[in-house]
Amino acid sequence: METILKLPIHERLSEEFRNRIAQGIWAPGSQLPSEAELCREFGTSRGPVRQALAALRAEGVLTGGRGRPPRVCGQVQSQSFSTFLSFTEWALSVGKVPGQRTQEIARRTASEEAASYLCLPHGEPVVELLRLRLLDGVPAMIERTSFVLPLGNRLFDFDTDSGSIFAFLLEQGADLFSARHTIDAVAAGEQDAALLGQPVGTPLLRERRVTSSSTGSPLEYSDDRYLPTLTNFTIENNVQHRAGLVRVHTA
């Protein structure tokens, strides 16, 4: 107790807020009291209260910001890589309503990164897609995908706001056979922040995926950026089967 009292005010407030969340006083999904109410309760100014709330947002305990009131995060939905599921299939499997808002779909020259992952020569055209993905109507992920031209051209006959692109392409006979996933963390830039309704610099969980045919030809490269407060990833293994998890040194 004495140690806690020696902490700066904003750290003491952060600790008190964590305790209230842990004890269920502030339940998952509930909105916190206003900054003015918290200032009155704890006899402090807005500065320490805002610092305390910002610390909990950074930890993924609270959502909100940019004019939205802080709320206690609910249970984070976990996405497993033990099966090859699209975002839509995964969302439905955990009882969520998937959604999407297409920002752009266009033919253009492949970026250097996409060309490298898709094994395309410099200057080769691809079909690029930018979509905001939703869980129960809440922005959860930004999807930036590059398709090789024969596959991507089929998307111009599909309403990309209507549902799963993978399901549509599979119905069209596309040979989407396997995927390689690389996961890391990035900070939200201006476009990411605007689409997700979060501050610039918000930590995002990035999944870069290369989907290949049954013969090993790359067909799709995607850079998907998730809000970690809404979803994360799991890899399951056991003593008889080792998951294909590789530790990569990124320094």
C-alpha atoms as a PDB file:
ATOM      1  CA  MET A   1       0.000   0.000   0.000  1.00  0.00           C
ATOM      2  CA  GLU A   2       2.800   2.394   0.930  1.00  0.00           C
ATOM      3  CA  THR A   3       4.556   1.637  -2.377  1.00  0.00           C
ATOM      4  CA  ILE A   4       1.398   2.443  -4.350  1.00  0.00           C
ATOM      5  CA  LEU A   5       0.991   5.767  -2.532  1.00  0.00           C
ATOM      6  CA  LYS A   6       4.486   6.768  -3.670  1.00  0.00           C
ATOM      7  CA  LEU A   7       3.538   6.344  -7.338  1.00  0.00           C
ATOM      8  CA  PRO A   8       2.598   9.338  -9.524  1.00  0.00           C
ATOM      9  CA  ILE A   9      -1.127  10.111  -9.538  1.00  0.00           C
ATOM     10  CA  HIS A  10      -1.730   8.794 -13.060  1.00  0.00           C
ATOM     11  CA  GLU A  11      -0.101   5.453 -12.192  1.00  0.00           C
ATOM     12  CA  ARG A  12      -2.218   5.141  -9.061  1.00  0.00           C
ATOM     13  CA  LEU A  13      -5.300   5.832 -11.152  1.00  0.00           C
ATOM     14  CA  SER A  14      -4.247   3.218 -13.749  1.00  0.00           C
ATOM     15  CA  GLU A  15      -3.881   0.638 -10.961  1.00  0.00           C
ATOM     16  CA  GLU A  16      -7.300   1.529  -9.513  1.00  0.00           C
ATOM     17  CA  PHE A  17      -8.933   1.319 -12.937  1.00  0.00           C
ATOM     18  CA  ARG A  18      -7.339  -2.111 -13.589  1.00  0.00           C
ATOM     19  CA  ASN A  19      -8.638  -3.352 -10.228  1.00  0.00           C
ATOM     20  CA  ARG A  20     -12.171  -2.203 -11.024  1.00  0.00           C
ATOM     21  CA  ILE A  21     -12.070  -4.011 -14.357  1.00  0.00           C
ATOM     22  CA  ALA A  22     -10.592  -7.184 -12.807  1.00  0.00           C
ATOM     23  CA  GLN A  23     -13.277  -7.183 -10.090  1.00  0.00           C
ATOM     24  CA  GLY A  24     -16.065  -6.697 -12.605  1.00  0.00           C
ATOM     25  CA  ILE A  25     -17.068  -3.293 -11.233  1.00  0.00           C
ATOM     26  CA  TRP A  26     -16.502  -2.044 -14.760  1.00  0.00           C
ATOM     27  CA  ALA A  27     -17.770  -4.986 -16.827  1.00  0.00           C
ATOM     28  CA  PRO A  28     -16.581  -5.947 -20.334  1.00  0.00           C
ATOM     29  CA  GLY A  29     -18.266  -3.744 -22.903  1.00  0.00           C
ATOM     30  CA  SER A  30     -19.350  -1.135 -20.366  1.00  0.00           C
ATOM     31  CA  GLN A  31     -18.673   2.572 -20.773  1.00  0.00           C
ATOM     32  CA  LEU A  32     -16.491   4.211 -18.156  1.00  0.00           C
ATOM     33  CA  PRO A  33     -17.585   7.298 -16.200  1.00  0.00           C
ATOM     34  CA  SER A  34     -16.760  10.569 -17.919  1.00  0.00           C
ATOM     35  CA  GLU A  35     -13.422  12.292 -17.332  1.00  0.00           C
ATOM     36  CA  ALA A  36     -15.257  14.961 -15.319  1.00  0.00           C
ATOM     37  CA  GLU A  37     -16.840  12.308 -13.074  1.00  0.00           C
ATOM     38  CA  LEU A  38     -13.488  10.587 -12.528  1.00  0.00           C
ATOM     39  CA  CYS A  39     -11.852  13.935 -11.708  1.00  0.00           C
ATOM     40  CA  ARG A  40     -14.499  14.631  -9.073  1.00  0.00           C
ATOM     41  CA  GLU A  41     -14.283  11.126  -7.582  1.00  0.00           C
ATOM     42  CA  PHE A  42     -10.495  11.150  -7.240  1.00  0.00           C
ATOM     43  CA  GLY A  43     -10.029  14.850  -6.585  1.00  0.00           C
ATOM     44  CA  THR A  44      -7.628  15.410  -9.446  1.00  0.00           C
ATOM     45  CA  SER A  45      -7.349  17.288 -12.734  1.00  0.00           C
ATOM     46  CA  ARG A  46      -8.022  15.897 -16.209  1.00  0.00           C
ATOM     47  CA  GLY A  47      -4.307  15.415 -16.989  1.00  0.00           C
ATOM     48  CA  PRO A  48      -3.657  12.400 -14.712  1.00  0.00           C
ATOM     49  CA  VAL A  49      -7.043  10.870 -15.608  1.00  0.00           C
ATOM     50  CA  ARG A  50      -6.276  11.102 -19.325  1.00  0.00           C
ATOM     51  CA  GLN A  51      -2.788   9.632 -18.789  1.00  0.00           C
ATOM     52  CA  ALA A  52      -4.276   6.711 -16.861  1.00  0.00           C
ATOM     53  CA  LEU A  53      -6.898   6.040 -19.539  1.00  0.00           C
ATOM     54  CA  ALA A  54      -4.270   6.285 -22.301  1.00  0.00           C
ATOM     55  CA  ALA A  55      -2.112   3.698 -20.503  1.00  0.00           C
ATOM     56  CA  LEU A  56      -5.011   1.234 -20.385  1.00  0.00           C
ATOM     57  CA  ARG A  57      -5.816   1.843 -24.040  1.00  0.00           C
ATOM     58  CA  ALA A  58      -2.185   1.079 -24.924  1.00  0.00           C
ATOM     59  CA  GLU A  59      -2.461  -2.188 -22.958  1.00  0.00           C
ATOM     60  CA  GLY A  60      -5.583  -3.144 -24.916  1.00  0.00           C
ATOM     61  CA  VAL A  61      -7.760  -3.011 -21.788  1.00  0.00           C
ATOM     62  CA  LEU A  62      -9.869  -0.085 -23.036  1.00  0.00           C
ATOM     63  CA  THR A  63     -11.137   1.006 -26.430  1.00  0.00           C
ATOM     64  CA  GLY A  64     -12.186   4.488 -27.516  1.00  0.00           C
ATOM     65  CA  GLY A  65     -10.441   7.733 -28.284  1.00  0.00           C
ATOM     66  CA  ARG A  66     -10.773  10.466 -30.907  1.00  0.00           C
ATOM     67  CA  GLY A  67     -14.031  11.667 -29.354  1.00  0.00           C
ATOM     68  CA  ARG A  68     -15.378   8.202 -28.520  1.00  0.00           C
ATOM     69  CA  PRO A  69     -15.940   7.392 -24.811  1.00  0.00           C
ATOM     70  CA  PRO A  70     -13.671   4.733 -23.278  1.00  0.00           C
ATOM     71  CA  ARG A  71     -15.153   1.247 -22.912  1.00  0.00           C
ATOM     72  CA  VAL A  72     -13.872  -1.907 -21.284  1.00  0.00           C
ATOM     73  CA  CYS A  73     -12.786  -4.393 -23.927  1.00  0.00           C
ATOM     74  CA  GLY A  74     -14.811  -7.558 -24.158  1.00  0.00           C
ATOM     75  CA  GLN A  75     -13.298 -10.984 -24.667  1.00  0.00           C
ATOM     76  CA  VAL A  76     -10.852 -10.919 -27.558  1.00  0.00           C
ATOM     77  CA  GLN A  77     -11.864 -13.320 -30.322  1.00  0.00           C
ATOM     78  CA  SER A  78      -9.072 -15.673 -31.296  1.00  0.00           C
ATOM     79  CA  GLN A  79      -8.457 -16.848 -34.858  1.00  0.00           C
ATOM     80  CA  SER A  80      -6.814 -20.227 -35.262  1.00  0.00           C
ATOM     81  CA  PHE A  81      -4.476 -21.190 -38.090  1.00  0.00           C
ATOM     82  CA  SER A  82      -5.212 -24.897 -37.621  1.00  0.00           C
ATOM     83  CA  THR A  83      -7.681 -24.597 -40.539  1.00  0.00           C
ATOM     84  CA  PHE A  84      -7.699 -22.492 -43.688  1.00  0.00           C
ATOM     85  CA  LEU A  85     -10.616 -20.126 -42.998  1.00  0.00           C
ATOM     86  CA  SER A  86     -11.512 -16.816 -44.604  1.00  0.00           C
ATOM     87  CA  PHE A  87     -12.271 -13.859 -42.337  1.00  0.00           C
ATOM     88  CA  THR A  88     -15.985 -14.324 -43.075  1.00  0.00           C
ATOM     89  CA  GLU A  89     -15.956 -18.036 -42.170  1.00  0.00           C
ATOM     90  CA  TRP A  90     -13.977 -17.386 -38.999  1.00  0.00           C
ATOM     91  CA  ALA A  91     -16.285 -14.556 -37.875  1.00  0.00           C
ATOM     92  CA  LEU A  92     -19.365 -16.748 -38.353  1.00  0.00           C
ATOM     93  CA  SER A  93     -17.678 -19.624 -36.504  1.00  0.00           C
ATOM     94  CA  VAL A  94     -17.308 -17.486 -33.355  1.00  0.00           C
ATOM     95  CA  GLY A  95     -20.834 -16.112 -33.524  1.00  0.00           C
ATOM     96  CA  LYS A  96     -19.970 -12.702 -34.982  1.00  0.00           C
ATOM     97  CA  VAL A  97     -21.536 -10.947 -37.959  1.00  0.00           C
ATOM     98  CA  PRO A  98     -18.853 -10.288 -40.603  1.00  0.00           C
ATOM     99  CA  GLY A  99     -18.972  -7.191 -42.729  1.00  0.00           C
ATOM    100  CA  GLN A 100     -16.909  -5.274 -45.236  1.00  0.00           C
ATOM    101  CA  ARG A 101     -16.672  -1.866 -46.865  1.00  0.00           C
ATOM    102  CA  THR A 102     -14.695  -1.750 -50.091  1.00  0.00           C
ATOM    103  CA  GLN A 103     -12.515   1.344 -50.333  1.00  0.00           C
ATOM    104  CA  GLU A 104     -10.907   0.578 -53.682  1.00  0.00           C
ATOM    105  CA  ILE A 105     -10.501  -2.103 -56.338  1.00  0.00           C
ATOM    106  CA  ALA A 106      -8.274  -1.433 -59.340  1.00  0.00           C
ATOM    107  CA  ARG A 107      -5.824  -2.868 -61.840  1.00  0.00           C
ATOM    108  CA  ARG A 108      -2.376  -1.379 -61.445  1.00  0.00           C
ATOM    109  CA  THR A 109       1.304  -2.250 -61.531  1.00  0.00           C
ATOM    110  CA  ALA A 110       2.260  -4.497 -58.639  1.00  0.00           C
ATOM    111  CA  SER A 111       4.134  -2.829 -55.819  1.00  0.00           C
ATOM    112  CA  GLU A 112       7.696  -3.972 -55.256  1.00  0.00           C
ATOM    113  CA  GLU A 113       6.597  -5.900 -52.150  1.00  0.00           C
ATOM    114  CA  ALA A 114       3.632  -7.617 -53.840  1.00  0.00           C
ATOM    115  CA  ALA A 115       5.696  -8.483 -56.929  1.00  0.00           C
ATOM    116  CA  SER A 116       8.326 -10.081 -54.707  1.00  0.00           C
ATOM    117  CA  TYR A 117       5.826 -12.228 -52.800  1.00  0.00           C
ATOM    118  CA  LEU A 118       3.927 -13.177 -55.957  1.00  0.00           C
ATOM    119  CA  CYS A 119       7.130 -13.911 -57.929  1.00  0.00           C
ATOM    120  CA  LEU A 120       6.128 -11.449 -60.649  1.00  0.00           C
ATOM    121  CA  PRO A 121       8.499  -9.516 -62.934  1.00  0.00           C
ATOM    122  CA  HIS A 122       8.847  -5.763 -62.465  1.00  0.00           C
ATOM    123  CA  GLY A 123       5.970  -3.838 -64.064  1.00  0.00           C
ATOM    124  CA  GLU A 124       3.521  -6.762 -64.019  1.00  0.00           C
ATOM    125  CA  PRO A 125      -0.103  -5.673 -63.396  1.00  0.00           C
ATOM    126  CA  VAL A 126      -2.214  -7.048 -60.548  1.00  0.00           C
ATOM    127  CA  VAL A 127      -5.676  -6.395 -59.145  1.00  0.00           C
ATOM    128  CA  GLU A 128      -5.449  -4.535 -55.845  1.00  0.00           C
ATOM    129  CA  LEU A 129      -8.244  -4.469 -53.279  1.00  0.00           C
ATOM    130  CA  LEU A 130      -8.579  -2.343 -50.159  1.00  0.00           C
ATOM    131  CA  ARG A 131     -11.390  -3.272 -47.737  1.00  0.00           C
ATOM    132  CA  LEU A 132     -12.329  -2.441 -44.177  1.00  0.00           C
ATOM    133  CA  ARG A 133     -13.534  -5.593 -42.377  1.00  0.00           C
ATOM    134  CA  LEU A 134     -16.081  -5.457 -39.563  1.00  0.00           C
ATOM    135  CA  LEU A 135     -17.148  -7.620 -36.628  1.00  0.00           C
ATOM    136  CA  ASP A 136     -20.744  -6.955 -35.554  1.00  0.00           C
ATOM    137  CA  GLY A 137     -20.521  -3.642 -37.378  1.00  0.00           C
ATOM    138  CA  VAL A 138     -17.330  -2.557 -35.573  1.00  0.00           C
ATOM    139  CA  PRO A 139     -14.134  -1.872 -37.614  1.00  0.00           C
ATOM    140  CA  ALA A 140     -11.725  -4.718 -36.877  1.00  0.00           C
ATOM    141  CA  MET A 141      -9.270  -5.144 -39.746  1.00  0.00           C
ATOM    142  CA  ILE A 142      -7.896  -3.481 -42.871  1.00  0.00           C
ATOM    143  CA  GLU A 143      -7.353  -5.784 -45.837  1.00  0.00           C
ATOM    144  CA  ARG A 144      -4.902  -4.849 -48.594  1.00  0.00           C
ATOM    145  CA  THR A 145      -4.734  -7.605 -51.180  1.00  0.00           C
ATOM    146  CA  SER A 146      -2.978  -8.065 -54.517  1.00  0.00           C
ATOM    147  CA  PHE A 147      -4.209 -10.818 -56.862  1.00  0.00           C
ATOM    148  CA  VAL A 148      -2.448 -12.131 -59.953  1.00  0.00           C
ATOM    149  CA  LEU A 149      -4.328 -10.771 -62.957  1.00  0.00           C
ATOM    150  CA  PRO A 150      -6.153 -13.947 -64.163  1.00  0.00           C
ATOM    151  CA  LEU A 151      -7.602 -14.415 -60.671  1.00  0.00           C
ATOM    152  CA  GLY A 152      -8.162 -10.779 -59.756  1.00  0.00           C
ATOM    153  CA  ASN A 153     -10.027  -9.984 -62.979  1.00  0.00           C
ATOM    154  CA  ARG A 154     -12.861 -12.209 -61.759  1.00  0.00           C
ATOM    155  CA  LEU A 155     -13.530  -9.791 -58.894  1.00  0.00           C
ATOM    156  CA  PHE A 156     -14.914  -7.164 -61.273  1.00  0.00           C
ATOM    157  CA  ASP A 157     -17.934  -9.458 -61.672  1.00  0.00           C
ATOM    158  CA  PHE A 158     -18.395  -9.710 -57.890  1.00  0.00           C
ATOM    159  CA  ASP A 159     -19.843  -7.298 -55.341  1.00  0.00           C
ATOM    160  CA  THR A 160     -16.898  -7.134 -52.931  1.00  0.00           C
ATOM    161  CA  ASP A 161     -19.177  -5.621 -50.258  1.00  0.00           C
ATOM    162  CA  SER A 162     -21.408  -8.697 -50.332  1.00  0.00           C
ATOM    163  CA  GLY A 163     -19.218 -11.234 -48.532  1.00  0.00           C
ATOM    164  CA  SER A 164     -16.251 -13.568 -48.783  1.00  0.00           C
ATOM    165  CA  ILE A 165     -13.978 -13.135 -51.789  1.00  0.00           C
ATOM    166  CA  PHE A 166     -12.390 -16.523 -51.088  1.00  0.00           C
ATOM    167  CA  ALA A 167     -15.806 -18.228 -51.182  1.00  0.00           C
ATOM    168  CA  PHE A 168     -16.613 -16.521 -54.491  1.00  0.00           C
ATOM    169  CA  LEU A 169     -13.276 -17.459 -56.067  1.00  0.00           C
ATOM    170  CA  LEU A 170     -13.544 -21.060 -54.891  1.00  0.00           C
ATOM    171  CA  GLU A 171     -17.004 -21.269 -56.456  1.00  0.00           C
ATOM    172  CA  GLN A 172     -15.395 -20.015 -59.666  1.00  0.00           C
ATOM    173  CA  GLY A 173     -12.941 -22.918 -59.537  1.00  0.00           C
ATOM    174  CA  ALA A 174      -9.899 -21.012 -58.250  1.00  0.00           C
ATOM    175  CA  ASP A 175      -7.128 -23.296 -56.983  1.00  0.00           C
ATOM    176  CA  LEU A 176      -6.641 -21.632 -53.566  1.00  0.00           C
ATOM    177  CA  PHE A 177      -4.836 -24.493 -51.893  1.00  0.00           C
ATOM    178  CA  SER A 178      -2.411 -23.319 -49.205  1.00  0.00           C
ATOM    179  CA  ALA A 179      -1.306 -20.197 -47.354  1.00  0.00           C
ATOM    180  CA  ARG A 180       1.825 -19.006 -45.603  1.00  0.00           C
ATOM    181  CA  HIS A 181       1.270 -16.522 -42.760  1.00  0.00           C
ATOM    182  CA  THR A 182       3.752 -14.081 -41.253  1.00  0.00           C
ATOM    183  CA  ILE A 183       2.644 -12.175 -38.146  1.00  0.00           C
ATOM    184  CA  ASP A 184       4.172  -9.050 -36.656  1.00  0.00           C
ATOM    185  CA  ALA A 185       3.114  -5.693 -35.226  1.00  0.00           C
ATOM    186  CA  VAL A 186       2.955  -2.260 -36.857  1.00  0.00           C
ATOM    187  CA  ALA A 187       1.772   1.196 -35.860  1.00  0.00           C
ATOM    188  CA  ALA A 188      -1.327   2.612 -37.540  1.00  0.00           C
ATOM    189  CA  GLY A 189      -0.540   5.239 -40.150  1.00  0.00           C
ATOM    190  CA  GLU A 190      -2.958   7.990 -41.149  1.00  0.00           C
ATOM    191  CA  GLN A 191      -5.051   5.834 -43.495  1.00  0.00           C
ATOM    192  CA  ASP A 192      -5.210   2.885 -41.070  1.00  0.00           C
ATOM    193  CA  ALA A 193      -6.143   5.178 -38.191  1.00  0.00           C
ATOM    194  CA  ALA A 194      -8.889   6.913 -40.163  1.00  0.00           C
ATOM    195  CA  LEU A 195     -10.459   3.648 -41.342  1.00  0.00           C
ATOM    196  CA  LEU A 196     -10.340   2.001 -37.912  1.00  0.00           C
ATOM    197  CA  GLY A 197     -11.360   5.122 -35.999  1.00  0.00           C
ATOM    198  CA  GLN A 198      -8.225   4.990 -33.838  1.00  0.00           C
ATOM    199  CA  PRO A 199      -5.380   7.414 -33.092  1.00  0.00           C
ATOM    200  CA  VAL A 200      -2.358   7.458 -35.395  1.00  0.00           C
ATOM    201  CA  GLY A 201       0.291   5.152 -33.916  1.00  0.00           C
ATOM    202  CA  THR A 202      -2.195   2.645 -32.460  1.00  0.00           C
ATOM    203  CA  PRO A 203      -0.521  -0.814 -32.350  1.00  0.00           C
ATOM    204  CA  LEU A 204      -1.950  -3.180 -34.968  1.00  0.00           C
ATOM    205  CA  LEU A 205      -1.441  -6.908 -35.422  1.00  0.00           C
ATOM    206  CA  ARG A 206      -0.315  -7.494 -39.012  1.00  0.00           C
ATOM    207  CA  GLU A 207      -0.775 -10.763 -40.878  1.00  0.00           C
ATOM    208  CA  ARG A 208       0.954 -11.000 -44.232  1.00  0.00           C
ATOM    209  CA  ARG A 209      -0.348 -13.939 -46.240  1.00  0.00           C
ATOM    210  CA  VAL A 210       0.687 -15.566 -49.488  1.00  0.00           C
ATOM    211  CA  THR A 211      -1.917 -17.947 -50.916  1.00  0.00           C
ATOM    212  CA  SER A 212      -0.711 -20.483 -53.467  1.00  0.00           C
ATOM    213  CA  SER A 213      -2.177 -23.055 -55.840  1.00  0.00           C
ATOM    214  CA  SER A 214      -1.822 -26.812 -55.428  1.00  0.00           C
ATOM    215  CA  THR A 215       1.230 -26.608 -57.705  1.00  0.00           C
ATOM    216  CA  GLY A 216       2.858 -23.941 -55.531  1.00  0.00           C
ATOM    217  CA  SER A 217       2.209 -20.898 -57.737  1.00  0.00           C
ATOM    218  CA  PRO A 218       1.516 -17.720 -55.694  1.00  0.00           C
ATOM    219  CA  LEU A 219      -1.954 -16.328 -56.459  1.00  0.00           C
ATOM    220  CA  GLU A 220      -2.635 -13.739 -53.763  1.00  0.00           C
ATOM    221  CA  TYR A 221      -0.647 -11.554 -51.398  1.00  0.00           C
ATOM    222  CA  SER A 222      -2.426  -9.793 -48.537  1.00  0.00           C
ATOM    223  CA  ASP A 223      -1.350  -7.379 -45.821  1.00  0.00           C
ATOM    224  CA  ASP A 224      -4.110  -7.536 -43.177  1.00  0.00           C
ATOM    225  CA  ARG A 225      -3.975  -5.257 -40.126  1.00  0.00           C
ATOM    226  CA  TYR A 226      -6.078  -6.158 -37.096  1.00  0.00           C
ATOM    227  CA  LEU A 227      -7.027  -4.265 -33.967  1.00  0.00           C
ATOM    228  CA  PRO A 228      -5.559  -6.600 -31.285  1.00  0.00           C
ATOM    229  CA  THR A 229      -8.360  -5.598 -28.907  1.00  0.00           C
ATOM    230  CA  LEU A 230     -10.800  -7.406 -31.221  1.00  0.00           C
ATOM    231  CA  THR A 231      -8.908 -10.422 -32.483  1.00  0.00           C
ATOM    232  CA  ASN A 232      -5.668 -12.355 -32.058  1.00  0.00           C
ATOM    233  CA  PHE A 233      -4.201 -15.599 -33.378  1.00  0.00           C
ATOM    234  CA  THR A 234      -3.522 -19.057 -31.990  1.00  0.00           C
ATOM    235  CA  ILE A 235      -1.479 -21.995 -33.214  1.00  0.00           C
ATOM    236  CA  GLU A 236      -2.354 -25.416 -31.853  1.00  0.00           C
ATOM    237  CA  ASN A 237       0.009 -28.367 -31.614  1.00  0.00           C
ATOM    238  CA  ASN A 238       0.559 -31.496 -29.547  1.00  0.00           C
ATOM    239  CA  VAL A 239       3.286 -33.998 -28.766  1.00  0.00           C
ATOM    240  CA  GLN A 240       2.607 -35.869 -32.007  1.00  0.00           C
ATOM    241  CA  HIS A 241       2.324 -32.916 -34.347  1.00  0.00           C
ATOM    242  CA  ARG A 242       4.497 -29.822 -34.502  1.00  0.00           C
ATOM    243  CA  ALA A 243       2.849 -26.700 -35.854  1.00  0.00           C
ATOM    244  CA  GLY A 244       4.700 -24.851 -38.579  1.00  0.00           C
ATOM    245  CA  LEU A 245       5.680 -21.965 -36.308  1.00  0.00           C
ATOM    246  CA  VAL A 246       8.977 -20.308 -37.150  1.00  0.00           C
ATOM    247  CA  ARG A 247      10.740 -17.727 -34.984  1.00  0.00           C
ATOM    248  CA  VAL A 248      12.271 -15.028 -37.185  1.00  0.00           C
ATOM    249  CA  HIS A 249      14.921 -12.545 -36.107  1.00  0.00           C
ATOM    250  CA  THR A 250      13.756  -9.165 -37.403  1.00  0.00           C
ATOM    251  CA  ALA A 251      16.523  -6.863 -36.112  1.00  0.00           C
END
